[in-house]
Protein backbone atom coordinates (compact mmCIF):
# COMPACT_ATOMS: atom_id res chain seq x y z
CA MET A 1 -9.20 1.34 -16.48
CA GLN A 2 -6.53 -1.47 -17.67
CA THR A 3 -6.26 -4.76 -16.60
CA LEU A 4 -3.23 -5.01 -14.95
CA PRO A 5 -1.07 -7.63 -17.30
CA VAL A 6 0.65 -10.72 -15.57
CA TYR A 7 3.57 -12.16 -17.62
CA LYS A 8 5.05 -15.39 -18.29
CA ILE A 9 8.27 -16.37 -19.66
CA GLU A 10 6.70 -17.29 -22.44
CA ASN A 11 5.32 -14.39 -23.42
CA PHE A 12 8.93 -13.40 -23.62
CA GLU A 13 10.29 -16.81 -25.44
CA PHE A 14 9.11 -18.23 -28.87
CA TYR A 15 8.97 -22.04 -26.89
CA HIS A 16 8.21 -22.53 -23.26
CA SER A 17 10.87 -22.27 -20.89
CA SER A 18 11.66 -21.96 -17.28
CA PHE A 19 14.16 -19.46 -18.13
CA TYR A 20 15.46 -16.44 -20.17
CA ALA A 21 18.51 -13.92 -20.12
CA ARG A 22 19.06 -11.19 -22.29
CA ARG A 23 21.63 -8.06 -23.08
CA LEU A 24 18.87 -5.00 -21.11
CA LYS A 25 19.11 -3.12 -24.63
CA ASP A 26 17.86 -6.21 -26.82
CA HIS A 27 15.52 -6.40 -24.42
CA ILE A 28 13.44 -3.45 -23.53
CA GLU A 29 13.46 -2.72 -28.03
CA LYS A 30 12.03 -6.10 -28.37
CA HIS A 31 9.86 -5.90 -25.82
CA GLY A 32 7.97 -2.34 -25.88
CA PHE A 33 4.88 -3.51 -23.97
CA ILE A 34 7.25 -3.59 -20.83
CA GLN A 35 7.27 0.38 -20.59
CA HIS A 36 3.68 0.00 -18.64
CA PRO A 37 3.12 -1.22 -15.69
CA HIS A 38 3.17 -4.63 -15.12
CA LYS A 39 2.93 -7.72 -13.00
CA HIS A 40 5.07 -11.14 -13.05
CA ASP A 41 4.57 -15.31 -12.11
CA PHE A 42 8.57 -15.12 -12.07
CA TYR A 43 11.72 -13.91 -10.23
CA LEU A 44 13.38 -11.15 -12.12
CA ALA A 45 17.05 -9.89 -11.76
CA VAL A 46 18.59 -6.82 -13.38
CA LEU A 47 21.72 -5.43 -13.41
CA PHE A 48 21.97 -2.01 -15.28
CA THR A 49 25.79 -1.00 -16.00
CA GLN A 50 25.14 2.74 -18.04
CA GLY A 51 22.25 5.11 -18.10
CA THR A 52 19.95 6.59 -15.91
CA GLY A 53 15.64 6.92 -14.95
CA THR A 54 13.93 5.38 -12.42
CA HIS A 55 12.30 2.08 -11.62
CA GLU A 56 9.19 2.29 -9.75
CA ILE A 57 8.16 -1.34 -7.86
CA ASP A 58 4.85 -0.98 -6.04
CA PHE A 59 4.27 2.51 -5.84
CA THR A 60 7.82 2.99 -4.78
CA SER A 61 10.75 4.79 -7.13
CA TYR A 62 13.75 4.09 -7.24
CA PRO A 63 16.34 5.62 -8.65
CA VAL A 64 18.62 4.03 -11.90
CA ALA A 65 22.19 4.44 -11.81
CA LYS A 66 25.19 2.80 -12.82
CA GLY A 67 25.36 -0.70 -10.58
CA ALA A 68 21.82 -0.24 -9.65
CA VAL A 69 20.27 -3.89 -8.93
CA PHE A 70 16.78 -5.16 -8.54
CA LEU A 71 15.85 -8.27 -7.33
CA MET A 72 11.88 -8.46 -7.68
CA ASN A 73 9.38 -11.31 -6.36
CA PRO A 74 6.40 -12.96 -8.30
CA GLY A 75 3.37 -10.75 -8.44
CA GLN A 76 5.16 -7.42 -7.74
CA VAL A 77 3.52 -4.33 -9.93
CA HIS A 78 6.68 -2.25 -12.01
CA ARG A 79 7.30 -0.24 -14.63
CA TRP A 80 9.95 1.43 -15.39
CA THR A 81 11.40 5.32 -17.06
CA LEU A 82 15.15 4.71 -19.13
CA THR A 83 17.30 7.20 -20.54
CA ASP A 84 18.25 5.49 -24.42
CA ASP A 85 21.86 4.66 -23.23
CA THR A 86 20.75 2.29 -20.95
CA GLU A 87 22.49 -0.80 -21.02
CA GLY A 88 22.70 -3.69 -18.34
CA TYR A 89 21.90 -7.30 -18.67
CA ILE A 90 18.48 -9.31 -17.02
CA PHE A 91 17.51 -12.62 -16.29
CA PHE A 92 14.52 -13.78 -14.59
CA HIS A 93 13.16 -17.35 -14.01
CA THR A 94 10.27 -20.13 -12.70
CA LYS A 95 10.54 -20.65 -8.82
CA GLU A 96 10.63 -23.92 -10.21
CA PHE A 97 13.27 -23.99 -12.18
CA TYR A 98 15.30 -22.76 -8.67
CA ASP A 99 13.65 -26.15 -7.34
CA ILE A 100 15.25 -28.45 -9.01
CA THR A 101 18.53 -26.90 -9.68
CA CYS A 102 19.43 -26.20 -6.39
CA ALA A 103 17.63 -28.72 -4.66
CA ASN A 104 19.75 -27.91 -1.43
CA LYS A 105 18.30 -24.36 -1.16
CA ARG A 106 15.14 -22.20 -0.66
CA ILE A 107 15.16 -19.37 -2.89
CA ASN A 108 12.53 -16.92 -0.01
CA ASP A 109 15.54 -17.79 2.52
CA PHE A 110 17.17 -14.83 0.65
CA THR A 111 16.59 -11.45 2.07
CA PHE A 112 15.28 -10.10 -1.57
CA PHE A 113 13.15 -12.67 -2.17
CA SER A 114 11.49 -13.17 1.46
CA SER A 115 8.73 -10.56 0.85
CA ALA A 116 7.33 -7.85 -1.49
CA GLY A 117 8.29 -5.66 2.05
CA VAL A 118 11.79 -6.22 1.31
CA SER A 119 13.75 -3.00 -0.37
CA PRO A 120 14.57 -4.64 -3.99
CA PHE A 121 16.95 -2.12 -4.80
CA VAL A 122 20.14 -2.44 -4.38
CA LEU A 123 23.15 -0.11 -5.24
CA LEU A 124 26.83 -1.68 -5.61
CA ASN A 125 30.23 0.02 -5.74
CA ASP A 126 32.87 -0.32 -8.38
CA GLU A 127 34.27 -3.99 -6.70
CA GLN A 128 30.95 -5.62 -6.43
CA LEU A 129 30.02 -4.63 -9.60
CA VAL A 130 32.82 -5.85 -11.65
CA GLN A 131 31.82 -9.21 -9.61
CA ALA A 132 28.37 -8.67 -10.13
CA GLU A 133 28.30 -7.92 -13.98
CA ALA A 134 30.82 -11.20 -14.60
CA LEU A 135 28.41 -13.02 -13.09
CA PHE A 136 25.38 -11.44 -14.90
CA LYS A 137 27.79 -11.91 -17.87
CA ARG A 138 28.36 -15.17 -18.03
CA ILE A 139 24.91 -15.91 -17.41
CA PHE A 140 23.92 -14.23 -20.28
CA ASN A 141 26.92 -16.46 -22.26
CA GLN A 142 25.59 -20.05 -21.06
CA ASN A 143 22.20 -19.48 -21.48
CA GLN A 144 22.29 -18.89 -25.52
CA ALA A 145 24.80 -22.33 -24.96
CA THR A 146 21.85 -24.39 -26.20
CA ASP A 147 24.71 -27.73 -26.62
CA SER A 148 25.66 -27.33 -23.49
CA ILE A 149 24.73 -30.29 -21.74
CA HIS A 150 24.31 -29.41 -18.29
CA LYS A 151 22.96 -25.58 -18.99
CA PHE A 152 19.89 -25.58 -16.75
CA GLU A 153 22.19 -27.34 -13.98
CA THR A 154 25.19 -24.65 -14.60
CA LEU A 155 22.86 -21.98 -14.69
CA GLY A 156 21.65 -22.98 -11.44
CA ALA A 157 25.02 -22.70 -10.39
CA LEU A 158 25.93 -19.20 -11.35
CA CYS A 159 22.06 -17.67 -9.84
CA ASN A 160 22.95 -19.06 -6.61
CA LEU A 161 26.17 -17.26 -6.56
CA LEU A 162 25.22 -14.23 -7.62
CA TYR A 163 22.01 -14.59 -5.27
CA LEU A 164 24.78 -15.09 -2.55
CA ASP A 165 26.96 -11.89 -3.42
CA ILE A 166 24.02 -9.96 -3.12
CA GLU A 167 22.92 -11.13 -0.10
CA GLY A 168 26.26 -10.10 1.08
CA VAL A 169 25.87 -6.96 -0.11
CA TYR A 170 22.59 -6.35 2.18
CA SER A 171 23.99 -7.94 4.87
CA ARG A 172 26.86 -5.92 4.90
CA LYS A 173 24.08 -2.89 4.14
CA GLU A 174 22.12 -3.19 7.70
CA THR A 175 25.98 -4.18 9.96
CA VAL A 176 24.42 -7.32 11.38
CA SER A 177 25.66 -8.37 13.92
CA LYS A 178 24.92 -12.33 15.03
CA GLN A 179 21.87 -11.38 17.86
CA SER A 180 21.02 -9.33 14.18
CA THR A 181 20.94 -12.26 12.47
CA LEU A 182 18.97 -14.13 13.89
CA TYR A 183 16.70 -11.37 14.38
CA LEU A 184 16.71 -10.96 10.40
CA HIS A 185 15.55 -14.57 9.65
CA LYS A 186 13.24 -14.50 12.56
CA LEU A 187 11.97 -11.44 10.57
CA ASN A 188 11.82 -12.72 7.19
CA THR A 189 9.74 -16.06 8.28
CA LEU A 190 6.98 -13.38 9.89
CA ARG A 191 6.67 -11.58 6.64
CA GLN A 192 6.69 -14.37 4.26
CA LEU A 193 3.83 -15.79 6.56
CA ILE A 194 2.15 -11.60 6.51
CA ASP A 195 2.54 -12.49 3.06
CA LEU A 196 0.73 -16.18 2.93
CA ASN A 197 -2.24 -14.48 5.54
CA TYR A 198 -3.10 -11.58 5.39
CA THR A 199 -6.14 -11.12 4.21
CA LEU A 200 -7.14 -14.11 7.40
CA LEU A 201 -4.63 -12.92 9.91
CA LYS A 202 -5.01 -8.93 11.52
CA TYR A 203 -3.26 -9.20 15.05
CA PRO A 204 0.25 -9.64 15.91
CA LYS A 205 -0.79 -11.47 18.39
CA ASP A 206 -1.69 -14.67 15.43
CA TYR A 207 1.96 -14.06 14.19
CA ALA A 208 3.56 -14.73 17.57
CA ALA A 209 1.30 -17.88 18.02
CA LEU A 210 2.57 -19.17 14.73
CA MET A 211 6.08 -18.34 15.31
CA SER A 212 5.86 -20.10 18.61
CA ILE A 213 7.13 -16.89 20.57
CA SER A 214 5.71 -13.79 22.81
CA ALA A 215 3.70 -10.92 20.60
CA LYS A 216 6.29 -8.69 22.88
CA HIS A 217 9.23 -10.49 21.44
CA LEU A 218 8.37 -10.50 17.42
CA ASN A 219 6.90 -6.90 18.58
CA ARG A 220 10.83 -6.44 19.73
CA ILE A 221 12.30 -8.30 16.75
CA CYS A 222 10.41 -5.81 14.57
CA ILE A 223 11.34 -3.15 16.22
CA GLU A 224 15.22 -3.62 16.45
CA THR A 225 15.65 -5.13 12.75
CA VAL A 226 13.50 -2.11 10.81
CA GLY A 227 12.19 0.21 13.48
CA LYS A 228 8.45 -0.91 12.75
CA THR A 229 5.94 -2.88 15.01
CA THR A 230 4.46 -6.30 14.04
CA GLY A 231 1.34 -4.34 13.33
CA ASP A 232 2.77 -1.97 10.86
CA LEU A 233 4.51 -4.94 8.79
CA ILE A 234 0.89 -6.18 8.97
CA SER A 235 -0.56 -2.77 7.40
CA GLU A 236 1.90 -2.56 5.25
CA ARG A 237 1.34 -5.04 3.49
CA LEU A 238 -2.94 -5.04 3.57
CA VAL A 239 -1.67 -1.57 1.89
CA LEU A 240 0.12 -2.53 -0.86
CA GLU A 241 -2.48 -4.87 -1.71
CA ALA A 242 -5.27 -2.49 -1.47
CA LYS A 243 -3.17 0.23 -4.22
CA ARG A 244 -2.75 -2.80 -6.35
CA VAL A 245 -6.54 -3.35 -6.35
CA LEU A 246 -7.36 -0.01 -7.04
CA ALA A 247 -4.99 1.16 -9.35
CA TYR A 248 -5.46 -1.38 -11.59
CA SER A 249 -9.58 -3.06 -11.14
CA ASP A 250 -12.16 -1.22 -11.83
CA LYS A 251 -14.06 -3.23 -8.67
CA PRO A 252 -15.89 -1.15 -5.89
CA ILE A 253 -14.55 -0.46 -2.68
CA LYS A 254 -16.80 -2.68 -0.96
CA GLN A 255 -15.39 -6.02 -2.77
CA ILE A 256 -11.81 -5.19 -2.49
CA ALA A 257 -12.49 -4.44 1.33
CA GLU A 258 -14.01 -7.84 1.29
CA GLN A 259 -11.23 -9.22 -0.92
CA LEU A 260 -8.44 -7.85 1.84
CA GLY A 261 -10.50 -9.82 4.81
CA PHE A 262 -12.88 -6.56 6.29
CA ASP A 263 -15.67 -7.30 6.70
CA ASP A 264 -16.79 -3.38 7.01
CA SER A 265 -16.44 -1.11 3.99
CA ALA A 266 -16.50 1.82 5.72
CA TYR A 267 -13.47 0.39 8.31
CA PHE A 268 -10.94 -0.12 5.47
CA ILE A 269 -12.31 3.21 4.45
CA ARG A 270 -10.93 4.31 7.09
CA PHE A 271 -7.92 1.95 7.76
CA PHE A 272 -6.81 3.01 3.71
CA LYS A 273 -6.86 6.93 4.95
CA LYS A 274 -5.06 6.23 8.28
CA HIS A 275 -1.66 4.91 6.03
CA THR A 276 -1.64 6.79 3.11
CA ALA A 277 -3.31 10.28 3.94
CA GLN A 278 -6.27 9.39 1.08
CA THR A 279 -9.86 7.74 0.81
CA PRO A 280 -9.55 4.50 -1.43
CA ALA A 281 -12.16 6.21 -3.96
CA LYS A 282 -9.39 9.45 -4.47
CA PHE A 283 -6.67 6.97 -4.84
CA GLN A 284 -8.44 4.85 -7.15
CA SER A 285 -9.20 8.13 -9.79
CA GLY A 286 -5.92 9.00 -9.96
CA PHE A 287 -4.93 6.06 -12.65
């Protein structure tokens, strides 16, 4: 079984950098290794302006088409299958890059970067595509301007502007009310807490306590925003990590169960089968 690689920006650049931007076609042609499943330790944004295919992220397949945008968190597993006429833009950066260039912002406040549980995909309409493509082009051109005094400061500002525009698309897609906006903020906080604690805390009441609200109210927030219970979100994160480890490691089931915080491997097997309709061993054998 293959070991899943985790790529850094240095794997794509000849020199150490915290930022990378390319035309998508050039990026794909130069780095053939990205056709296989892998992770990154950086934030990634890609816009497709031409071509079709599929983009698989954390075992979910998304359609690639004109206007498709993907925004990925560090640690997500992905691969894609694309037609030869694919065009677009791609850039990625470290968390430190954003923290320094956008000092008064937090990257995890953006919905799409709040958690691995949020959909990384959005399809832009024609008007939105024109605006997004213009920003991606400016980001690409600014990254090429090696003699620019304020190169990284400008790159940070352009990235933040693009993220704000995409965040607006997410908001309109959800058609949220003021109450829903507050609930979405709470939901993002919950997802971030789950990402940090899912191996240790597995009950809704634990997260409600961390957020200083009742478990009943937290459950209401989850149901009204995404139609799932707090327990569902915790289980989804556990299943996702289980799939990642099962698919790309040779670890025995007992060791994986312990890694995910299950004292009883038999219970882990029942848990995984309940949520995926197959045993961990059966899922692992498919890779």
